[in-house]
Protein backbone atom coordinates (compact mmCIF):
# COMPACT_ATOMS: atom_id res chain seq x y z
CA MET A 1 125.09 107.76 118.93
CA ARG A 2 127.52 109.60 120.52
CA ARG A 3 127.16 112.38 122.95
CA PRO A 4 129.94 114.24 124.15
CA GLY A 5 130.23 115.30 128.14
CA HIS A 6 128.12 114.69 131.30
CA HIS A 7 130.41 110.92 132.28
CA ARG A 8 129.55 111.20 135.88
CA GLN A 9 125.62 111.25 135.42
CA ALA A 10 125.47 109.44 132.77
CA ASP A 11 127.52 106.41 134.42
CA GLN A 12 124.89 106.63 137.18
CA LEU A 13 122.11 105.82 134.44
CA GLY A 14 124.10 102.93 133.52
CA PRO A 15 126.11 100.12 135.42
CA ALA A 16 124.54 101.78 138.44
CA ARG A 17 121.55 100.95 137.15
CA ALA A 18 122.09 97.64 135.74
CA GLY A 19 123.03 96.56 139.85
CA PRO A 20 125.05 97.26 142.33
CA ARG A 21 128.93 96.88 142.51
CA PRO A 22 128.97 94.20 145.19
CA ARG A 23 127.88 91.79 142.43
CA HIS A 24 131.84 91.18 141.45
CA ALA A 25 132.25 89.52 144.64
CA LEU A 26 129.90 86.55 143.55
CA SER A 27 131.28 86.60 140.17
CA SER A 28 133.23 88.91 137.24
CA GLY A 29 132.85 86.79 134.44
CA ALA A 30 136.19 85.18 134.23
CA GLY A 31 136.86 82.27 132.08
CA GLN A 32 134.02 83.48 130.03
CA LYS A 33 134.65 84.43 126.34
CA ILE A 34 131.94 86.87 124.70
CA ALA A 35 131.40 87.27 121.08
CA VAL A 36 130.31 90.99 120.23
CA LEU A 37 129.31 90.52 116.40
CA SER A 38 129.56 94.47 115.35
CA THR A 39 131.87 96.77 113.94
CA GLY A 40 135.02 95.37 115.63
CA VAL A 41 136.70 96.24 118.82
CA ASP A 42 139.52 98.17 119.46
CA GLY A 43 141.94 95.77 121.31
CA GLN A 44 143.93 98.38 122.28
CA HIS A 45 141.75 100.48 124.75
CA ALA A 46 143.31 100.82 128.10
CA GLN A 47 140.57 99.12 129.53
CA LEU A 48 140.19 96.28 126.94
CA ARG A 49 143.81 95.73 126.50
CA GLY A 50 145.02 92.20 127.35
CA ARG A 51 141.33 90.70 127.18
CA VAL A 52 140.39 90.92 123.45
CA ASP A 53 140.75 87.97 121.10
CA ALA A 54 142.01 88.60 117.47
CA GLY A 55 138.66 87.34 116.72
CA ALA A 56 137.48 87.56 112.31
CA SER A 57 135.82 89.36 110.01
CA VAL A 58 133.18 88.04 107.66
CA VAL A 59 132.22 90.72 106.12
CA PRO A 60 132.62 90.45 102.27
CA GLY A 61 135.86 91.96 100.66
CA VAL A 62 136.89 93.12 104.17
CA PRO A 63 138.70 89.85 105.69
CA GLY A 64 141.33 90.03 108.69
CA ALA A 65 141.08 90.00 112.20
CA GLY A 66 138.28 91.48 114.26
CA ASN A 67 140.09 93.29 116.89
CA THR A 68 140.11 96.97 115.26
CA ASP A 69 136.83 98.91 115.37
CA CYS A 70 135.95 100.77 112.17
CA SER A 71 133.20 102.95 113.26
CA GLY A 72 133.54 102.79 117.07
CA LEU A 73 129.96 100.55 118.00
CA GLY A 74 131.71 97.43 118.82
CA THR A 75 134.08 98.85 121.51
CA GLN A 76 131.35 100.73 123.00
CA VAL A 77 129.37 97.35 123.67
CA ALA A 78 132.32 95.33 124.79
CA GLY A 79 132.83 98.31 127.46
CA ALA A 80 129.41 97.76 128.08
CA VAL A 81 130.03 94.05 128.22
CA ALA A 82 133.76 93.57 129.82
CA GLY A 83 135.41 97.26 130.31
CA GLY A 84 138.10 96.86 133.02
CA GLN A 85 138.91 99.28 135.75
CA LEU A 86 141.04 102.12 134.86
CA GLY A 87 142.03 104.65 137.59
CA ASP A 88 139.16 106.42 139.05
CA THR A 89 137.13 107.33 136.04
CA GLY A 90 134.38 104.83 137.74
CA VAL A 91 133.58 102.94 134.50
CA ILE A 92 133.55 99.51 134.47
CA GLY A 93 131.86 96.47 132.49
CA VAL A 94 129.21 94.14 134.13
CA ALA A 95 131.73 91.29 133.32
CA PRO A 96 134.84 92.99 133.89
CA ASN A 97 137.23 90.01 134.06
CA ALA A 98 135.83 88.19 130.85
CA ARG A 99 137.10 88.10 127.24
CA ILE A 100 136.01 89.52 124.11
CA VAL A 101 135.96 87.76 120.79
CA PRO A 102 135.15 90.33 118.22
CA ILE A 103 133.50 89.37 114.95
CA ARG A 104 133.02 91.97 112.58
CA VAL A 105 129.59 91.66 110.52
CA ALA A 106 129.45 95.68 109.55
CA ASP A 107 131.97 98.02 107.72
CA GLN A 108 132.70 101.26 108.08
CA ARG A 109 130.21 101.96 105.12
CA ALA A 110 127.11 100.30 106.88
CA GLY A 111 124.65 101.04 109.42
CA SER A 112 123.16 99.57 111.99
CA GLU A 113 121.31 97.14 109.59
CA VAL A 114 123.58 94.30 108.32
CA SER A 115 122.45 91.17 105.94
CA PRO A 116 121.12 87.80 107.53
CA ALA A 117 123.46 86.19 105.26
CA VAL A 118 126.25 87.99 107.32
CA LEU A 119 125.35 87.89 110.67
CA ALA A 120 124.44 84.11 110.37
CA ALA A 121 128.25 83.85 109.17
CA GLY A 122 128.87 85.92 111.89
CA ILE A 123 127.29 83.49 114.51
CA ASN A 124 128.73 80.53 112.95
CA ALA A 125 132.08 82.04 113.41
CA ALA A 126 131.20 82.73 116.80
CA VAL A 127 130.24 78.87 117.48
CA ASN A 128 133.19 77.81 115.87
CA ALA A 129 135.84 80.33 118.25
CA LYS A 130 133.71 78.25 121.20
CA VAL A 131 132.37 80.93 122.84
CA ASP A 132 130.18 81.27 125.94
CA VAL A 133 127.94 83.81 125.45
CA ILE A 134 127.14 85.27 121.77
CA CYS A 135 126.18 89.30 121.76
CA VAL A 136 124.28 90.67 118.79
CA PRO A 137 123.93 94.67 118.93
CA VAL A 138 123.32 94.99 115.15
CA VAL A 139 119.95 93.34 113.68
CA ALA A 140 118.70 92.71 110.09
CA TYR A 141 115.41 93.41 109.27
CA THR A 142 115.21 90.60 106.99
CA ASP A 143 115.26 87.02 107.96
CA SER A 144 116.62 83.67 106.30
CA GLU A 145 116.84 80.22 106.77
CA GLU A 146 120.26 80.77 106.86
CA LEU A 147 120.00 82.63 110.05
CA GLU A 148 117.67 80.82 111.82
CA ALA A 149 120.24 77.46 110.98
CA ALA A 150 122.69 79.82 112.59
CA VAL A 151 121.01 80.81 115.41
CA ARG A 152 119.45 77.11 116.63
CA ALA A 153 123.00 75.68 115.94
CA ALA A 154 124.08 78.46 118.60
CA ILE A 155 121.63 77.57 121.43
CA ALA A 156 121.84 73.97 120.49
CA ALA A 157 125.70 74.00 121.38
CA GLY A 158 124.43 75.48 124.86
CA ILE A 159 125.33 79.14 123.82
CA PRO A 160 123.14 81.88 124.71
CA VAL A 161 122.10 84.51 122.40
CA VAL A 162 121.51 88.24 123.27
CA ALA A 163 120.31 90.28 120.37
CA ALA A 164 119.11 93.84 120.31
CA SER A 165 115.90 94.86 119.44
CA GLY A 166 117.25 97.93 117.23
CA ASP A 167 116.55 101.17 116.91
CA PRO A 168 114.61 101.84 113.69
CA PRO A 169 114.30 105.21 112.36
CA GLY A 170 110.90 107.07 112.21
CA GLN A 171 107.86 105.61 113.00
CA ASP A 172 108.18 102.41 111.67
CA ASN A 173 108.92 99.02 114.23
CA PRO A 174 110.13 96.48 111.35
CA LYS A 175 111.00 93.08 113.28
CA PRO A 176 114.41 93.11 113.82
CA TYR A 177 116.28 89.56 113.73
CA PRO A 178 118.23 87.79 115.19
CA ALA A 179 116.32 89.33 118.24
CA SER A 180 113.06 87.69 117.37
CA SER A 181 113.99 84.65 116.49
CA PRO A 182 113.12 81.71 119.09
CA GLY A 183 115.59 80.77 122.17
CA VAL A 184 117.16 84.32 121.34
CA ILE A 185 117.32 86.81 124.69
CA ALA A 186 115.78 90.14 122.82
CA VAL A 187 116.94 93.49 124.41
CA THR A 188 115.35 96.54 124.38
CA ALA A 189 116.68 100.07 125.78
CA LEU A 190 115.73 101.78 129.14
CA ASN A 191 116.01 104.92 130.44
CA ALA A 192 116.92 106.16 134.00
CA ALA A 193 112.97 106.01 135.07
CA GLY A 194 113.09 102.11 133.45
CA ALA A 195 111.05 103.46 130.57
CA VAL A 196 111.34 102.07 127.20
CA VAL A 197 113.58 104.71 125.43
CA ALA A 198 111.12 106.23 122.64
CA ARG A 199 113.38 104.84 119.29
CA ALA A 200 113.59 101.15 120.56
CA GLY A 201 112.30 98.65 118.50
CA SER A 202 109.90 96.84 120.11
CA GLY A 203 106.95 93.73 120.18
CA ASP A 204 106.31 90.85 122.22
CA PHE A 205 109.73 88.96 121.45
CA VAL A 206 111.29 91.50 124.05
CA THR A 207 111.97 89.65 127.29
CA LEU A 208 114.35 92.08 129.06
CA GLY A 209 115.47 96.01 129.03
CA ALA A 210 118.71 97.52 130.00
CA PRO A 211 120.62 100.60 129.98
CA GLY A 212 120.19 102.63 127.19
CA ALA A 213 120.00 106.28 127.63
CA ALA A 214 122.52 108.43 128.50
CA VAL A 215 125.24 105.49 129.08
CA VAL A 216 128.68 106.35 129.82
CA THR A 217 131.02 103.53 127.72
CA LEU A 218 134.51 103.49 125.85
CA GLN A 219 135.16 104.72 122.72
CA THR A 220 137.36 103.81 120.13
CA GLY A 221 141.11 104.85 120.50
CA SER A 222 140.93 105.95 123.99
CA GLY A 223 138.39 107.62 126.63
CA LEU A 224 135.05 107.56 126.88
CA VAL A 225 131.71 108.31 125.38
CA VAL A 226 128.11 108.82 125.83
CA VAL A 227 125.90 106.96 124.08
CA ASP A 228 122.09 105.70 123.54
CA GLY A 229 120.42 102.55 122.22
CA THR A 230 119.47 98.98 122.05
CA GLY A 231 123.24 97.80 121.07
CA VAL A 232 124.95 98.98 124.22
CA ALA A 233 121.85 97.60 126.34
CA ALA A 234 122.48 94.19 124.75
CA GLY A 235 125.95 94.70 125.98
CA TYR A 236 124.50 95.15 129.24
CA VAL A 237 122.96 91.46 129.58
CA ALA A 238 125.59 89.43 127.99
CA GLY A 239 127.59 90.64 130.47
CA ALA A 240 125.10 89.39 132.84
CA VAL A 241 124.97 86.03 131.19
CA ALA A 242 128.53 85.63 131.64
CA LEU A 243 128.76 86.44 135.23
CA LEU A 244 126.05 83.60 135.19
CA GLN A 245 127.94 81.24 133.31
CA ALA A 246 130.71 82.04 135.24
CA LYS A 247 129.11 81.17 138.30
CA ASN A 248 127.05 78.06 137.31
CA ALA A 249 129.00 76.38 134.26
CA LYS A 250 125.95 74.13 133.60
CA LEU A 251 123.08 76.30 132.96
CA SER A 252 121.27 75.84 129.69
CA PRO A 253 120.05 78.93 127.52
CA ALA A 254 116.66 78.23 128.57
CA ALA A 255 117.71 78.36 132.07
CA VAL A 256 119.79 81.49 131.90
CA GLU A 257 116.89 83.79 130.38
CA ARG A 258 114.66 82.38 133.19
CA GLN A 259 117.03 83.49 135.87
CA LEU A 260 117.22 86.51 134.33
CA THR A 261 113.82 87.36 133.50
CA GLY A 262 112.98 86.08 137.11
CA THR A 263 115.38 87.96 139.13
CA ALA A 264 114.95 91.38 137.02
CA THR A 265 113.78 94.95 138.30
CA PRO A 266 110.17 95.64 137.29
CA THR A 267 108.95 98.41 135.17
CA GLN A 268 106.34 99.87 134.14
CA PRO A 269 104.10 97.65 131.35
CA THR A 270 103.49 99.34 127.83
CA SER A 271 101.43 97.97 125.25
CA ARG A 272 104.67 97.74 123.24
CA ASN A 273 106.36 95.71 125.01
CA LYS A 274 103.95 93.09 126.91
CA ALA A 275 106.61 90.35 127.43
CA LEU A 276 109.00 92.92 128.92
CA ALA A 277 110.06 91.46 132.40
CA GLY A 278 111.95 94.70 133.67
CA MET A 279 115.59 96.01 134.03
CA VAL A 280 118.34 93.54 133.86
CA ASN A 281 119.74 93.16 137.36
CA PRO A 282 123.06 91.11 137.74
CA TYR A 283 123.38 91.05 141.57
CA ARG A 284 120.01 89.49 142.10
CA ALA A 285 120.21 87.17 139.53
CA LEU A 286 123.61 85.87 141.03
CA SER A 287 122.11 85.72 144.49
CA GLU A 288 118.64 84.51 144.40
CA THR A 289 116.97 81.29 143.34
CA LEU A 290 113.82 81.18 141.64
CA VAL A 291 111.06 78.72 142.47
CA LEU A 292 109.72 76.33 139.93
CA THR A 293 106.25 77.70 138.59
CA SER A 294 104.63 74.28 138.65
CA GLY A 295 104.66 71.53 141.07
CA ALA A 296 107.52 69.17 141.56
CA PRO A 297 106.19 65.21 140.93
CA MET A 298 106.50 63.24 144.14
CA PRO A 299 109.14 60.34 144.15
CA GLY A 300 107.06 57.06 143.14
CA TYR A 301 106.04 55.02 146.57
CA GLU A 302 106.98 51.34 146.60
CA PRO A 303 105.48 49.13 149.47
CA PRO A 304 107.80 47.49 151.66
CA PRO A 305 108.38 43.53 150.64
CA ALA A 306 105.72 41.31 152.02
CA ALA A 307 107.36 39.39 155.03
CA LYS A 308 108.45 35.42 154.02
CA THR A 309 106.33 33.25 156.14
CA ASP A 310 107.12 29.49 157.18
CA PRO A 311 104.27 27.09 155.78
CA ALA A 312 105.14 24.76 158.20
CA LYS A 313 104.87 27.41 160.99
CA ALA A 314 101.31 29.00 159.39
CA ARG A 315 99.76 25.27 159.39
CA ALA A 316 100.90 25.02 163.56
CA ARG A 317 99.21 28.22 163.92
CA ASP A 318 96.22 27.70 162.04
CA ARG A 319 95.71 24.74 163.96
CA ALA A 320 96.61 26.34 167.91
CA LEU A 321 93.72 28.90 166.40
CA ILE A 322 91.42 26.09 165.99
CA VAL A 323 92.25 24.18 169.06
CA ALA A 324 91.50 27.22 171.34
CA ALA A 325 88.11 28.49 169.64
CA GLY A 326 86.89 24.67 170.14
CA ALA A 327 87.96 24.66 173.72
CA LEU A 328 86.38 28.34 174.10
CA GLY A 329 83.04 26.78 173.03
CA VAL A 330 82.91 24.05 175.10
CA ALA A 331 83.75 26.18 178.09
CA VAL A 332 80.77 28.10 177.30
CA LEU A 333 78.55 25.12 176.84
CA VAL A 334 79.63 23.50 179.63
CA GLY A 335 78.68 26.94 181.88
CA MET A 336 75.33 27.17 180.30
CA VAL A 337 74.60 23.64 181.27
CA ALA A 338 75.88 23.91 185.07
CA ILE A 339 73.68 27.09 185.14
CA GLY A 340 70.03 25.19 183.83
CA LEU A 341 71.02 22.33 186.60
CA ARG A 342 71.05 24.41 189.35
CA THR A 343 68.04 26.16 188.18
CA GLY A 344 66.16 23.10 187.85
CA ARG A 345 67.08 21.38 191.00
CA ARG A 346 66.06 24.89 193.20
CA ARG A 347 62.66 24.40 191.01
CA SER A 348 62.16 20.66 191.81
CA TRP A 349 62.16 20.44 187.56
CA ARG A 350 58.54 22.31 187.65
CA PRO A 351 58.78 23.91 184.61
CA MET A 352 58.79 27.75 185.01
CA LEU A 353 55.56 29.24 184.06
CA ALA A 354 54.56 33.27 184.60
CA PRO A 355 51.65 33.30 187.49
CA PRO A 356 48.25 34.17 186.27
CA PRO A 357 46.98 37.68 185.83
CA MET A 358 45.15 39.14 188.60
CA GLU A 359 40.89 39.28 188.27
CA PRO A 360 39.28 42.78 188.89
CA ASN A 361 37.47 42.81 192.07
CA ASP A 362 34.06 44.59 190.82
CA SER A 363 32.50 44.75 194.45
CA VAL A 364 34.93 47.19 195.87
CA GLU A 365 32.56 50.40 196.06
CA ALA A 366 34.01 53.48 194.36
CA MET A 367 35.45 55.96 196.82
CA ALA A 368 34.39 59.46 196.15
CA PRO A 369 36.65 61.57 194.63
CA VAL A 370 39.17 63.62 197.27
CA LEU A 371 39.49 67.20 196.69
CA LEU A 372 43.00 68.15 197.45
CA PHE A 373 42.41 71.72 197.84
CA GLU A 374 39.17 71.57 199.25
CA GLU A 375 37.74 74.89 200.77
CA GLN A 376 37.69 75.17 204.03
CA ARG A 377 34.44 76.41 205.82
């Protein structure tokens, strides 16, 4: 959704909320290719020029490249992902040195919803283009095995898939795809206060939030535009993934999601999004290390090998112990005999008997008791 004006204020609600600018000192997304599955991307925009591949269109009846934008959404998302610095505009994407691979899955007549078959074709095209990240800012509200298979193939190839939770009209909250598919990083839109935007799709599958209200980004042709929605929010998260991938080339999609959710800025929990980890924070994701949620197994203990003993030496040691024990026993016996001989001579070999007990003397008269404290008279 476009809204003119208020560029400076809206910019503060966008990239500044997603993390401080010093993140680019840690990673700028250089070497990363990010597929944007949308309405195409304007490759001639001054802040994207030279970093947008030709891409492709998978829309039936609309063949060709994807580096032109039929309605603007793709360029807006690409600006959040990888918009480069231009003068003093102050608007810059999360991964300004990344490349964009535009895959058109929606044409000028299409709204935010696309068919699952076209989305599946777009994901497959992105995998074939060997991209590093897949960003899906549009949704399908019906699932298909074809779409699920495409998502599984992308994740199996080690490509993280970031998808918007959608912006359904009215009070309905239909389940969006591929956002609710297993393994996908599902993104909702947050406002400046960190609260979920009222129109944003919700559910327990949503894991991350990103700026999605009054965000300044690029518009088709030239210049800037203020937009809302989960599509541009998904762009911010896709840019954060590119930063991580550029810094840690071996991260799996699951590890990428764990790092982003574990370092997200906490937000107020809601009943609509119970699994929401918070606002994506690229700087923390790049600079912090998560600890394991469960204890790491201790390495196995191997006792040292037993010392080898020479059998001959062992037998000699046993004999020496036996001789020593025998000698000690003989010495004790000789000592006891010597003591007995001396005692026998002293008593002239008489038996040693106890003296007879004394008999009581009944003739002794009983004496009067002595009073210790007799009263003196």
